[in-house]
Amino acid sequence: KHPRIIVISDEIYEHINYVGKHETICQFPGMKEQTVIVNGVSKA
């Protein structure tokens, strides 16, 4: 509802998950245009 807002989605702990599949906010229609996914190799 707020096109100016960008989500900075820090997903560095993606693979250290005890409840199943990782969920990202980017999966929802329109959110890729308003999201910066942050990830990397450090933790996993």
PDB file of all heavy atoms in Angstrom:
ATOM      1  N   LYS A   1       0.831  -1.223   0.000  1.00  0.00           N
ATOM      2  CA  LYS A   1       0.000   0.000   0.000  1.00  0.00           C
ATOM      3  C   LYS A   1       0.859   1.263   0.000  1.00  0.00           C
ATOM      4  O   LYS A   1       0.343   2.367  -0.147  1.00  0.00           O
ATOM      5  CB  LYS A   1      -0.922   0.009   1.231  1.00  0.00           C
ATOM      6  CG  LYS A   1      -2.040  -1.018   1.171  1.00  0.00           C
ATOM      7  CD  LYS A   1      -3.036  -0.819   2.302  1.00  0.00           C
ATOM      8  CE  LYS A   1      -2.579  -1.478   3.586  1.00  0.00           C
ATOM      9  NZ  LYS A   1      -3.587  -1.389   4.666  1.00  0.00           N
ATOM     10  N   HIS A   2       2.178   1.100   0.193  1.00  0.00           N
ATOM     11  CA  HIS A   2       3.089   2.244   0.308  1.00  0.00           C
ATOM     12  C   HIS A   2       4.265   2.029  -0.658  1.00  0.00           C
ATOM     13  O   HIS A   2       5.321   1.528  -0.253  1.00  0.00           O
ATOM     14  CB  HIS A   2       3.591   2.368   1.744  1.00  0.00           C
ATOM     15  CG  HIS A   2       2.491   2.506   2.757  1.00  0.00           C
ATOM     16  ND1 HIS A   2       1.943   3.722   3.090  1.00  0.00           N
ATOM     17  CD2 HIS A   2       1.829   1.575   3.496  1.00  0.00           C
ATOM     18  CE1 HIS A   2       0.995   3.548   4.011  1.00  0.00           C
ATOM     19  NE2 HIS A   2       0.901   2.245   4.266  1.00  0.00           N
ATOM     20  N   PRO A   3       4.115   2.420  -1.910  1.00  0.00           N
ATOM     21  CA  PRO A   3       5.134   2.117  -2.936  1.00  0.00           C
ATOM     22  C   PRO A   3       6.521   2.688  -2.637  1.00  0.00           C
ATOM     23  O   PRO A   3       7.512   2.199  -3.176  1.00  0.00           O
ATOM     24  CB  PRO A   3       4.556   2.749  -4.204  1.00  0.00           C
ATOM     25  CG  PRO A   3       3.089   2.852  -3.952  1.00  0.00           C
ATOM     26  CD  PRO A   3       2.938   3.086  -2.489  1.00  0.00           C
ATOM     27  N   ARG A   4       6.611   3.714  -1.789  1.00  0.00           N
ATOM     28  CA  ARG A   4       7.914   4.323  -1.491  1.00  0.00           C
ATOM     29  C   ARG A   4       8.742   3.470  -0.535  1.00  0.00           C
ATOM     30  O   ARG A   4       9.961   3.629  -0.451  1.00  0.00           O
ATOM     31  CB  ARG A   4       7.695   5.723  -0.889  1.00  0.00           C
ATOM     32  CG  ARG A   4       8.979   6.490  -0.615  1.00  0.00           C
ATOM     33  CD  ARG A   4       8.687   7.925  -0.178  1.00  0.00           C
ATOM     34  NE  ARG A   4       9.928   8.669   0.025  1.00  0.00           N
ATOM     35  CZ  ARG A   4      10.533   8.818   1.198  1.00  0.00           C
ATOM     36  NH1 ARG A   4      10.017   8.272   2.287  1.00  0.00           N
ATOM     37  NH2 ARG A   4      11.656   9.517   1.301  1.00  0.00           N
ATOM     38  N   ILE A   5       8.090   2.566   0.203  1.00  0.00           N
ATOM     39  CA  ILE A   5       8.791   1.805   1.243  1.00  0.00           C
ATOM     40  C   ILE A   5       9.482   0.587   0.645  1.00  0.00           C
ATOM     41  O   ILE A   5       8.882  -0.194  -0.092  1.00  0.00           O
ATOM     42  CB  ILE A   5       7.821   1.371   2.360  1.00  0.00           C
ATOM     43  CG1 ILE A   5       7.199   2.599   3.031  1.00  0.00           C
ATOM     44  CG2 ILE A   5       8.548   0.507   3.399  1.00  0.00           C
ATOM     45  CD1 ILE A   5       6.171   2.268   4.100  1.00  0.00           C
ATOM     46  N   ILE A   6      10.765   0.444   0.978  1.00  0.00           N
ATOM     47  CA  ILE A   6      11.563  -0.710   0.561  1.00  0.00           C
ATOM     48  C   ILE A   6      11.820  -1.590   1.785  1.00  0.00           C
ATOM     49  O   ILE A   6      12.193  -1.086   2.850  1.00  0.00           O
ATOM     50  CB  ILE A   6      12.919  -0.259  -0.037  1.00  0.00           C
ATOM     51  CG1 ILE A   6      12.708   0.665  -1.237  1.00  0.00           C
ATOM     52  CG2 ILE A   6      13.758  -1.483  -0.423  1.00  0.00           C
ATOM     53  CD1 ILE A   6      12.036   0.040  -2.429  1.00  0.00           C
ATOM     54  N   VAL A   7      11.613  -2.892   1.634  1.00  0.00           N
ATOM     55  CA  VAL A   7      11.951  -3.838   2.696  1.00  0.00           C
ATOM     56  C   VAL A   7      13.394  -4.303   2.489  1.00  0.00           C
ATOM     57  O   VAL A   7      13.752  -4.769   1.408  1.00  0.00           O
ATOM     58  CB  VAL A   7      11.016  -5.063   2.692  1.00  0.00           C
ATOM     59  CG1 VAL A   7      11.441  -6.065   3.774  1.00  0.00           C
ATOM     60  CG2 VAL A   7       9.573  -4.633   2.908  1.00  0.00           C
ATOM     61  N   ILE A   8      14.218  -4.130   3.513  1.00  0.00           N
ATOM     62  CA  ILE A   8      15.558  -4.722   3.514  1.00  0.00           C
ATOM     63  C   ILE A   8      15.426  -6.023   4.295  1.00  0.00           C
ATOM     64  O   ILE A   8      15.269  -6.026   5.515  1.00  0.00           O
ATOM     65  CB  ILE A   8      16.595  -3.776   4.147  1.00  0.00           C
ATOM     66  CG1 ILE A   8      16.664  -2.458   3.352  1.00  0.00           C
ATOM     67  CG2 ILE A   8      17.968  -4.444   4.211  1.00  0.00           C
ATOM     68  CD1 ILE A   8      17.503  -1.378   4.009  1.00  0.00           C
ATOM     69  N   SER A   9      15.413  -7.140   3.551  1.00  0.00           N
ATOM     70  CA  SER A   9      15.108  -8.449   4.131  1.00  0.00           C
ATOM     71  C   SER A   9      16.406  -9.214   4.385  1.00  0.00           C
ATOM     72  O   SER A   9      17.000  -9.773   3.466  1.00  0.00           O
ATOM     73  CB  SER A   9      14.200  -9.238   3.178  1.00  0.00           C
ATOM     74  OG  SER A   9      13.857 -10.485   3.736  1.00  0.00           O
ATOM     75  N   ASP A  10      16.832  -9.220   5.635  1.00  0.00           N
ATOM     76  CA  ASP A  10      18.080  -9.876   6.040  1.00  0.00           C
ATOM     77  C   ASP A  10      17.803 -11.360   6.253  1.00  0.00           C
ATOM     78  O   ASP A  10      17.170 -11.747   7.236  1.00  0.00           O
ATOM     79  CB  ASP A  10      18.602  -9.214   7.318  1.00  0.00           C
ATOM     80  CG  ASP A  10      19.983  -9.717   7.722  1.00  0.00           C
ATOM     81  OD1 ASP A  10      20.417 -10.764   7.196  1.00  0.00           O
ATOM     82  OD2 ASP A  10      20.625  -9.073   8.571  1.00  0.00           O
ATOM     83  N   GLU A  11      18.276 -12.184   5.308  1.00  0.00           N
ATOM     84  CA  GLU A  11      17.994 -13.615   5.330  1.00  0.00           C
ATOM     85  C   GLU A  11      19.271 -14.441   5.508  1.00  0.00           C
ATOM     86  O   GLU A  11      19.362 -15.589   5.075  1.00  0.00           O
ATOM     87  CB  GLU A  11      17.246 -13.996   4.040  1.00  0.00           C
ATOM     88  CG  GLU A  11      15.969 -13.177   3.869  1.00  0.00           C
ATOM     89  CD  GLU A  11      15.148 -13.509   2.627  1.00  0.00           C
ATOM     90  OE1 GLU A  11      15.348 -14.605   2.047  1.00  0.00           O
ATOM     91  OE2 GLU A  11      14.298 -12.685   2.238  1.00  0.00           O
ATOM     92  N   ILE A  12      20.254 -13.858   6.203  1.00  0.00           N
ATOM     93  CA  ILE A  12      21.557 -14.500   6.341  1.00  0.00           C
ATOM     94  C   ILE A  12      21.470 -15.846   7.087  1.00  0.00           C
ATOM     95  O   ILE A  12      22.302 -16.726   6.895  1.00  0.00           O
ATOM     96  CB  ILE A  12      22.578 -13.545   7.029  1.00  0.00           C
ATOM     97  CG1 ILE A  12      24.005 -14.097   6.939  1.00  0.00           C
ATOM     98  CG2 ILE A  12      22.187 -13.265   8.459  1.00  0.00           C
ATOM     99  CD1 ILE A  12      24.601 -14.123   5.570  1.00  0.00           C
ATOM    100  N   TYR A  13      20.432 -16.023   7.925  1.00  0.00           N
ATOM    101  CA  TYR A  13      20.281 -17.278   8.673  1.00  0.00           C
ATOM    102  C   TYR A  13      19.311 -18.244   7.989  1.00  0.00           C
ATOM    103  O   TYR A  13      18.810 -19.179   8.619  1.00  0.00           O
ATOM    104  CB  TYR A  13      19.803 -16.989  10.105  1.00  0.00           C
ATOM    105  CG  TYR A  13      20.830 -16.267  10.939  1.00  0.00           C
ATOM    106  CD1 TYR A  13      20.808 -14.873  11.051  1.00  0.00           C
ATOM    107  CD2 TYR A  13      21.844 -16.954  11.593  1.00  0.00           C
ATOM    108  CE1 TYR A  13      21.773 -14.194  11.788  1.00  0.00           C
ATOM    109  CE2 TYR A  13      22.809 -16.294  12.333  1.00  0.00           C
ATOM    110  CZ  TYR A  13      22.763 -14.915  12.426  1.00  0.00           C
ATOM    111  OH  TYR A  13      23.718 -14.261  13.164  1.00  0.00           O
ATOM    112  N   GLU A  14      19.066 -18.026   6.713  1.00  0.00           N
ATOM    113  CA  GLU A  14      18.096 -18.818   5.953  1.00  0.00           C
ATOM    114  C   GLU A  14      18.190 -20.320   6.202  1.00  0.00           C
ATOM    115  O   GLU A  14      17.186 -21.001   6.412  1.00  0.00           O
ATOM    116  CB  GLU A  14      18.284 -18.547   4.453  1.00  0.00           C
ATOM    117  CG  GLU A  14      17.486 -19.466   3.552  1.00  0.00           C
ATOM    118  CD  GLU A  14      17.745 -19.251   2.066  1.00  0.00           C
ATOM    119  OE1 GLU A  14      18.567 -18.382   1.716  1.00  0.00           O
ATOM    120  OE2 GLU A  14      17.126 -19.961   1.261  1.00  0.00           O
ATOM    121  N   HIS A  15      19.406 -20.857   6.171  1.00  0.00           N
ATOM    122  CA  HIS A  15      19.565 -22.307   6.216  1.00  0.00           C
ATOM    123  C   HIS A  15      19.633 -22.875   7.633  1.00  0.00           C
ATOM    124  O   HIS A  15      19.690 -24.092   7.802  1.00  0.00           O
ATOM    125  CB  HIS A  15      20.816 -22.718   5.426  1.00  0.00           C
ATOM    126  CG  HIS A  15      20.643 -22.559   3.952  1.00  0.00           C
ATOM    127  ND1 HIS A  15      21.164 -21.490   3.263  1.00  0.00           N
ATOM    128  CD2 HIS A  15      19.968 -23.307   3.045  1.00  0.00           C
ATOM    129  CE1 HIS A  15      20.831 -21.606   1.989  1.00  0.00           C
ATOM    130  NE2 HIS A  15      20.113 -22.691   1.829  1.00  0.00           N
ATOM    131  N   ILE A  16      19.641 -21.999   8.628  1.00  0.00           N
ATOM    132  CA  ILE A  16      19.649 -22.492  10.020  1.00  0.00           C
ATOM    133  C   ILE A  16      18.221 -22.345  10.533  1.00  0.00           C
ATOM    134  O   ILE A  16      17.857 -21.381  11.194  1.00  0.00           O
ATOM    135  CB  ILE A  16      20.687 -21.746  10.873  1.00  0.00           C
ATOM    136  CG1 ILE A  16      22.062 -21.822  10.187  1.00  0.00           C
ATOM    137  CG2 ILE A  16      20.768 -22.364  12.265  1.00  0.00           C
ATOM    138  CD1 ILE A  16      23.137 -21.008  10.854  1.00  0.00           C
ATOM    139  N   ASN A  17      17.405 -23.313  10.144  1.00  0.00           N
ATOM    140  CA  ASN A  17      15.952 -23.245  10.278  1.00  0.00           C
ATOM    141  C   ASN A  17      15.474 -24.587  10.811  1.00  0.00           C
ATOM    142  O   ASN A  17      15.833 -25.629  10.276  1.00  0.00           O
ATOM    143  CB  ASN A  17      15.382 -22.948   8.870  1.00  0.00           C
ATOM    144  CG  ASN A  17      13.874 -22.837   8.846  1.00  0.00           C
ATOM    145  OD1 ASN A  17      13.168 -23.576   9.520  1.00  0.00           O
ATOM    146  ND2 ASN A  17      13.380 -21.923   8.032  1.00  0.00           N
ATOM    147  N   TYR A  18      14.662 -24.551  11.883  1.00  0.00           N
ATOM    148  CA  TYR A  18      14.229 -25.784  12.537  1.00  0.00           C
ATOM    149  C   TYR A  18      12.750 -26.093  12.302  1.00  0.00           C
ATOM    150  O   TYR A  18      12.208 -27.012  12.908  1.00  0.00           O
ATOM    151  CB  TYR A  18      14.493 -25.706  14.046  1.00  0.00           C
ATOM    152  CG  TYR A  18      15.870 -25.175  14.386  1.00  0.00           C
ATOM    153  CD1 TYR A  18      16.028 -24.079  15.232  1.00  0.00           C
ATOM    154  CD2 TYR A  18      17.013 -25.743  13.827  1.00  0.00           C
ATOM    155  CE1 TYR A  18      17.286 -23.579  15.520  1.00  0.00           C
ATOM    156  CE2 TYR A  18      18.275 -25.243  14.102  1.00  0.00           C
ATOM    157  CZ  TYR A  18      18.399 -24.158  14.953  1.00  0.00           C
ATOM    158  OH  TYR A  18      19.643 -23.648  15.229  1.00  0.00           O
ATOM    159  N   VAL A  19      12.092 -25.316  11.443  1.00  0.00           N
ATOM    160  CA  VAL A  19      10.639 -25.488  11.255  1.00  0.00           C
ATOM    161  C   VAL A  19      10.275 -25.761   9.804  1.00  0.00           C
ATOM    162  O   VAL A  19       9.113 -25.695   9.429  1.00  0.00           O
ATOM    163  CB  VAL A  19       9.852 -24.266  11.783  1.00  0.00           C
ATOM    164  CG1 VAL A  19       9.947 -24.185  13.291  1.00  0.00           C
ATOM    165  CG2 VAL A  19      10.310 -22.970  11.138  1.00  0.00           C
ATOM    166  N   GLY A  20      11.264 -26.064   8.971  1.00  0.00           N
ATOM    167  CA  GLY A  20      10.939 -26.397   7.591  1.00  0.00           C
ATOM    168  C   GLY A  20      11.480 -25.388   6.597  1.00  0.00           C
ATOM    169  O   GLY A  20      12.530 -24.794   6.796  1.00  0.00           O
ATOM    170  N   LYS A  21      10.739 -25.165   5.542  1.00  0.00           N
ATOM    171  CA  LYS A  21      11.175 -24.359   4.407  1.00  0.00           C
ATOM    172  C   LYS A  21      11.310 -22.884   4.790  1.00  0.00           C
ATOM    173  O   LYS A  21      10.478 -22.335   5.500  1.00  0.00           O
ATOM    174  CB  LYS A  21      10.156 -24.526   3.277  1.00  0.00           C
ATOM    175  CG  LYS A  21      10.406 -23.683   2.042  1.00  0.00           C
ATOM    176  CD  LYS A  21       9.368 -24.015   0.972  1.00  0.00           C
ATOM    177  CE  LYS A  21       9.426 -23.031  -0.173  1.00  0.00           C
ATOM    178  NZ  LYS A  21       8.846 -21.729   0.158  1.00  0.00           N
ATOM    179  N   HIS A  22      12.379 -22.257   4.286  1.00  0.00           N
ATOM    180  CA  HIS A  22      12.557 -20.814   4.479  1.00  0.00           C
ATOM    181  C   HIS A  22      11.513 -20.054   3.676  1.00  0.00           C
ATOM    182  O   HIS A  22      11.241 -20.367   2.518  1.00  0.00           O
ATOM    183  CB  HIS A  22      13.963 -20.401   4.038  1.00  0.00           C
ATOM    184  CG  HIS A  22      14.191 -18.920   4.044  1.00  0.00           C
ATOM    185  ND1 HIS A  22      14.285 -18.195   5.221  1.00  0.00           N
ATOM    186  CD2 HIS A  22      14.322 -18.021   3.033  1.00  0.00           C
ATOM    187  CE1 HIS A  22      14.472 -16.920   4.923  1.00  0.00           C
ATOM    188  NE2 HIS A  22      14.497 -16.792   3.609  1.00  0.00           N
ATOM    189  N   GLU A  23      10.933 -19.054   4.310  1.00  0.00           N
ATOM    190  CA  GLU A  23       9.959 -18.188   3.625  1.00  0.00           C
ATOM    191  C   GLU A  23      10.564 -16.797   3.471  1.00  0.00           C
ATOM    192  O   GLU A  23      11.104 -16.238   4.421  1.00  0.00           O
ATOM    193  CB  GLU A  23       8.653 -18.095   4.429  1.00  0.00           C
ATOM    194  CG  GLU A  23       7.976 -19.427   4.720  1.00  0.00           C
ATOM    195  CD  GLU A  23       7.324 -20.075   3.505  1.00  0.00           C
ATOM    196  OE1 GLU A  23       7.266 -19.422   2.443  1.00  0.00           O
ATOM    197  OE2 GLU A  23       6.882 -21.229   3.620  1.00  0.00           O
ATOM    198  N   THR A  24      10.446 -16.243   2.264  1.00  0.00           N
ATOM    199  CA  THR A  24      10.915 -14.887   2.010  1.00  0.00           C
ATOM    200  C   THR A  24       9.746 -14.001   1.628  1.00  0.00           C
ATOM    201  O   THR A  24       8.799 -14.456   0.965  1.00  0.00           O
ATOM    202  CB  THR A  24      11.981 -14.859   0.900  1.00  0.00           C
ATOM    203  OG1 THR A  24      12.333 -13.503   0.621  1.00  0.00           O
ATOM    204  CG2 THR A  24      11.486 -15.520  -0.383  1.00  0.00           C
ATOM    205  N   ILE A  25       9.804 -12.758   2.043  1.00  0.00           N
ATOM    206  CA  ILE A  25       8.728 -11.818   1.721  1.00  0.00           C
ATOM    207  C   ILE A  25       8.658 -11.541   0.227  1.00  0.00           C
ATOM    208  O   ILE A  25       7.638 -11.089  -0.290  1.00  0.00           O
ATOM    209  CB  ILE A  25       8.891 -10.516   2.543  1.00  0.00           C
ATOM    210  CG1 ILE A  25       7.562  -9.758   2.600  1.00  0.00           C
ATOM    211  CG2 ILE A  25      10.034  -9.647   1.991  1.00  0.00           C
ATOM    212  CD1 ILE A  25       7.502  -8.680   3.662  1.00  0.00           C
ATOM    213  N   CYS A  26       9.724 -11.860  -0.507  1.00  0.00           N
ATOM    214  CA  CYS A  26       9.767 -11.637  -1.951  1.00  0.00           C
ATOM    215  C   CYS A  26       8.824 -12.539  -2.735  1.00  0.00           C
ATOM    216  O   CYS A  26       8.583 -12.298  -3.911  1.00  0.00           O
ATOM    217  CB  CYS A  26      11.185 -11.835  -2.474  1.00  0.00           C
ATOM    218  SG  CYS A  26      12.082 -10.308  -2.603  1.00  0.00           S
ATOM    219  N   GLN A  27       8.324 -13.590  -2.107  1.00  0.00           N
ATOM    220  CA  GLN A  27       7.504 -14.559  -2.839  1.00  0.00           C
ATOM    221  C   GLN A  27       6.149 -13.994  -3.230  1.00  0.00           C
ATOM    222  O   GLN A  27       5.476 -14.546  -4.117  1.00  0.00           O
ATOM    223  CB  GLN A  27       7.317 -15.820  -1.990  1.00  0.00           C
ATOM    224  CG  GLN A  27       6.454 -15.621  -0.745  1.00  0.00           C
ATOM    225  CD  GLN A  27       6.444 -16.831   0.155  1.00  0.00           C
ATOM    226  OE1 GLN A  27       5.758 -17.815  -0.125  1.00  0.00           O
ATOM    227  NE2 GLN A  27       7.228 -16.797   1.219  1.00  0.00           N
ATOM    228  N   PHE A  28       5.726 -12.896  -2.613  1.00  0.00           N
ATOM    229  CA  PHE A  28       4.385 -12.374  -2.870  1.00  0.00           C
ATOM    230  C   PHE A  28       4.396 -11.405  -4.049  1.00  0.00           C
ATOM    231  O   PHE A  28       5.342 -10.604  -4.180  1.00  0.00           O
ATOM    232  CB  PHE A  28       3.831 -11.702  -1.606  1.00  0.00           C
ATOM    233  CG  PHE A  28       3.815 -12.622  -0.424  1.00  0.00           C
ATOM    234  CD1 PHE A  28       4.716 -12.451   0.622  1.00  0.00           C
ATOM    235  CD2 PHE A  28       2.934 -13.696  -0.366  1.00  0.00           C
ATOM    236  CE1 PHE A  28       4.733 -13.313   1.705  1.00  0.00           C
ATOM    237  CE2 PHE A  28       2.946 -14.569   0.715  1.00  0.00           C
ATOM    238  CZ  PHE A  28       3.838 -14.377   1.745  1.00  0.00           C
ATOM    239  N   PRO A  29       3.378 -11.465  -4.914  1.00  0.00           N
ATOM    240  CA  PRO A  29       3.349 -10.606  -6.112  1.00  0.00           C
ATOM    241  C   PRO A  29       3.549  -9.131  -5.764  1.00  0.00           C
ATOM    242  O   PRO A  29       2.920  -8.607  -4.836  1.00  0.00           O
ATOM    243  CB  PRO A  29       1.945 -10.853  -6.679  1.00  0.00           C
ATOM    244  CG  PRO A  29       1.576 -12.231  -6.203  1.00  0.00           C
ATOM    245  CD  PRO A  29       2.213 -12.355  -4.848  1.00  0.00           C
ATOM    246  N   GLY A  30       4.468  -8.496  -6.480  1.00  0.00           N
ATOM    247  CA  GLY A  30       4.753  -7.076  -6.277  1.00  0.00           C
ATOM    248  C   GLY A  30       5.865  -6.786  -5.302  1.00  0.00           C
ATOM    249  O   GLY A  30       6.429  -5.685  -5.306  1.00  0.00           O
ATOM    250  N   MET A  31       6.221  -7.773  -4.466  1.00  0.00           N
ATOM    251  CA  MET A  31       7.198  -7.485  -3.410  1.00  0.00           C
ATOM    252  C   MET A  31       8.635  -7.448  -3.914  1.00  0.00           C
ATOM    253  O   MET A  31       9.483  -6.797  -3.311  1.00  0.00           O
ATOM    254  CB  MET A  31       7.076  -8.495  -2.264  1.00  0.00           C
ATOM    255  CG  MET A  31       5.956  -8.191  -1.276  1.00  0.00           C
ATOM    256  SD  MET A  31       5.969  -6.509  -0.617  1.00  0.00           S
ATOM    257  CE  MET A  31       7.555  -6.442   0.199  1.00  0.00           C
ATOM    258  N   LYS A  32       8.930  -8.145  -5.007  1.00  0.00           N
ATOM    259  CA  LYS A  32      10.304  -8.094  -5.532  1.00  0.00           C
ATOM    260  C   LYS A  32      10.714  -6.667  -5.874  1.00  0.00           C
ATOM    261  O   LYS A  32      11.877  -6.286  -5.723  1.00  0.00           O
ATOM    262  CB  LYS A  32      10.423  -8.973  -6.781  1.00  0.00           C
ATOM    263  CG  LYS A  32      11.051 -10.325  -6.527  1.00  0.00           C
ATOM    264  CD  LYS A  32      11.178 -11.152  -7.779  1.00  0.00           C
ATOM    265  CE  LYS A  32      12.130 -10.527  -8.767  1.00  0.00           C
ATOM    266  NZ  LYS A  32      12.229 -11.277 -10.038  1.00  0.00           N
ATOM    267  N   GLU A  33       9.742  -5.879  -6.326  1.00  0.00           N
ATOM    268  CA  GLU A  33      10.027  -4.493  -6.715  1.00  0.00           C
ATOM    269  C   GLU A  33      10.242  -3.593  -5.505  1.00  0.00           C
ATOM    270  O   GLU A  33      10.724  -2.465  -5.646  1.00  0.00           O
ATOM    271  CB  GLU A  33       8.879  -3.939  -7.584  1.00  0.00           C
ATOM    272  CG  GLU A  33       8.810  -4.526  -8.985  1.00  0.00           C
ATOM    273  CD  GLU A  33       8.389  -5.992  -8.990  1.00  0.00           C
ATOM    274  OE1 GLU A  33       7.465  -6.362  -8.232  1.00  0.00           O
ATOM    275  OE2 GLU A  33       9.004  -6.772  -9.759  1.00  0.00           O
ATOM    276  N   GLN A  34       9.888  -4.088  -4.317  1.00  0.00           N
ATOM    277  CA  GLN A  34      10.022  -3.280  -3.101  1.00  0.00           C
ATOM    278  C   GLN A  34      10.889  -3.956  -2.042  1.00  0.00           C
ATOM    279  O   GLN A  34      10.785  -3.637  -0.855  1.00  0.00           O
ATOM    280  CB  GLN A  34       8.638  -2.970  -2.511  1.00  0.00           C
ATOM    281  CG  GLN A  34       7.875  -1.893  -3.269  1.00  0.00           C
ATOM    282  CD  GLN A  34       6.516  -1.594  -2.657  1.00  0.00           C
ATOM    283  OE1 GLN A  34       5.483  -1.907  -3.231  1.00  0.00           O
ATOM    284  NE2 GLN A  34       6.510  -0.985  -1.477  1.00  0.00           N
ATOM    285  N   THR A  35      11.762  -4.865  -2.469  1.00  0.00           N
ATOM    286  CA  THR A  35      12.564  -5.619  -1.499  1.00  0.00           C
ATOM    287  C   THR A  35      14.023  -5.703  -1.925  1.00  0.00           C
ATOM    288  O   THR A  35      14.320  -5.906  -3.105  1.00  0.00           O
ATOM    289  CB  THR A  35      12.020  -7.056  -1.314  1.00  0.00           C
ATOM    290  OG1 THR A  35      10.642  -6.993  -0.924  1.00  0.00           O
ATOM    291  CG2 THR A  35      12.798  -7.815  -0.251  1.00  0.00           C
ATOM    292  N   VAL A  36      14.905  -5.550  -0.942  1.00  0.00           N
ATOM    293  CA  VAL A  36      16.316  -5.878  -1.095  1.00  0.00           C
ATOM    294  C   VAL A  36      16.572  -7.117  -0.245  1.00  0.00           C
ATOM    295  O   VAL A  36      16.504  -7.055   0.991  1.00  0.00           O
ATOM    296  CB  VAL A  36      17.229  -4.721  -0.623  1.00  0.00           C
ATOM    297  CG1 VAL A  36      18.700  -5.131  -0.714  1.00  0.00           C
ATOM    298  CG2 VAL A  36      16.965  -3.456  -1.416  1.00  0.00           C
ATOM    299  N   ILE A  37      16.817  -8.254  -0.890  1.00  0.00           N
ATOM    300  CA  ILE A  37      17.206  -9.458  -0.144  1.00  0.00           C
ATOM    301  C   ILE A  37      18.692  -9.341   0.192  1.00  0.00           C
ATOM    302  O   ILE A  37      19.509  -9.015  -0.669  1.00  0.00           O
ATOM    303  CB  ILE A  37      16.966 -10.735  -0.966  1.00  0.00           C
ATOM    304  CG1 ILE A  37      15.481 -11.009  -1.118  1.00  0.00           C
ATOM    305  CG2 ILE A  37      17.655 -11.939  -0.319  1.00  0.00           C
ATOM    306  CD1 ILE A  37      15.175 -12.247  -1.953  1.00  0.00           C
ATOM    307  N   VAL A  38      19.034  -9.605   1.447  1.00  0.00           N
ATOM    308  CA  VAL A  38      20.431  -9.656   1.884  1.00  0.00           C
ATOM    309  C   VAL A  38      20.727 -11.081   2.337  1.00  0.00           C
ATOM    310  O   VAL A  38      19.983 -11.650   3.138  1.00  0.00           O
ATOM    311  CB  VAL A  38      20.687  -8.666   3.039  1.00  0.00           C
ATOM    312  CG1 VAL A  38      22.101  -8.836   3.577  1.00  0.00           C
ATOM    313  CG2 VAL A  38      20.436  -7.233   2.596  1.00  0.00           C
ATOM    314  N   ASN A  39      21.808 -11.645   1.829  1.00  0.00           N
ATOM    315  CA  ASN A  39      22.177 -12.996   2.216  1.00  0.00           C
ATOM    316  C   ASN A  39      23.681 -13.154   2.020  1.00  0.00           C
ATOM    317  O   ASN A  39      24.365 -12.188   1.678  1.00  0.00           O
ATOM    318  CB  ASN A  39      21.386 -14.031   1.402  1.00  0.00           C
ATOM    319  CG  ASN A  39      21.143 -15.327   2.160  1.00  0.00           C
ATOM    320  OD1 ASN A  39      21.976 -15.770   2.939  1.00  0.00           O
ATOM    321  ND2 ASN A  39      19.988 -15.953   1.922  1.00  0.00           N
ATOM    322  N   GLY A  40      24.204 -14.337   2.235  1.00  0.00           N
ATOM    323  CA  GLY A  40      25.641 -14.550   2.107  1.00  0.00           C
ATOM    324  C   GLY A  40      26.034 -15.925   2.597  1.00  0.00           C
ATOM    325  O   GLY A  40      25.185 -16.753   2.939  1.00  0.00           O
ATOM    326  N   VAL A  41      27.336 -16.152   2.652  1.00  0.00           N
ATOM    327  CA  VAL A  41      27.849 -17.495   2.958  1.00  0.00           C
ATOM    328  C   VAL A  41      28.282 -17.673   4.415  1.00  0.00           C
ATOM    329  O   VAL A  41      28.595 -18.786   4.823  1.00  0.00           O
ATOM    330  CB  VAL A  41      29.040 -17.844   2.027  1.00  0.00           C
ATOM    331  CG1 VAL A  41      28.580 -17.944   0.580  1.00  0.00           C
ATOM    332  CG2 VAL A  41      30.179 -16.835   2.153  1.00  0.00           C
ATOM    333  N   SER A  42      28.293 -16.595   5.197  1.00  0.00           N
ATOM    334  CA  SER A  42      28.919 -16.647   6.522  1.00  0.00           C
ATOM    335  C   SER A  42      28.353 -17.718   7.437  1.00  0.00           C
ATOM    336  O   SER A  42      29.101 -18.506   8.026  1.00  0.00           O
ATOM    337  CB  SER A  42      28.793 -15.283   7.220  1.00  0.00           C
ATOM    338  OG  SER A  42      29.580 -14.326   6.576  1.00  0.00           O
ATOM    339  N   LYS A  43      27.041 -17.747   7.586  1.00  0.00           N
ATOM    340  CA  LYS A  43      26.436 -18.606   8.609  1.00  0.00           C
ATOM    341  C   LYS A  43      26.211 -20.026   8.099  1.00  0.00           C
ATOM    342  O   LYS A  43      26.566 -21.000   8.762  1.00  0.00           O
ATOM    343  CB  LYS A  43      25.118 -17.997   9.093  1.00  0.00           C
ATOM    344  CG  LYS A  43      25.164 -16.515   9.429  1.00  0.00           C
ATOM    345  CD  LYS A  43      26.110 -16.158  10.558  1.00  0.00           C
ATOM    346  CE  LYS A  43      26.031 -14.651  10.857  1.00  0.00           C
ATOM    347  NZ  LYS A  43      26.896 -14.240  11.952  1.00  0.00           N
ATOM    348  N   ALA A  44      25.607 -20.161   6.917  1.00  0.00           N
ATOM    349  CA  ALA A  44      25.245 -21.488   6.418  1.00  0.00           C
ATOM    350  C   ALA A  44      26.464 -22.346   6.120  1.00  0.00           C
ATOM    351  O   ALA A  44      26.439 -23.562   6.316  1.00  0.00           O
ATOM    352  CB  ALA A  44      24.383 -21.358   5.169  1.00  0.00           C
TER     353      ALA A  44
END
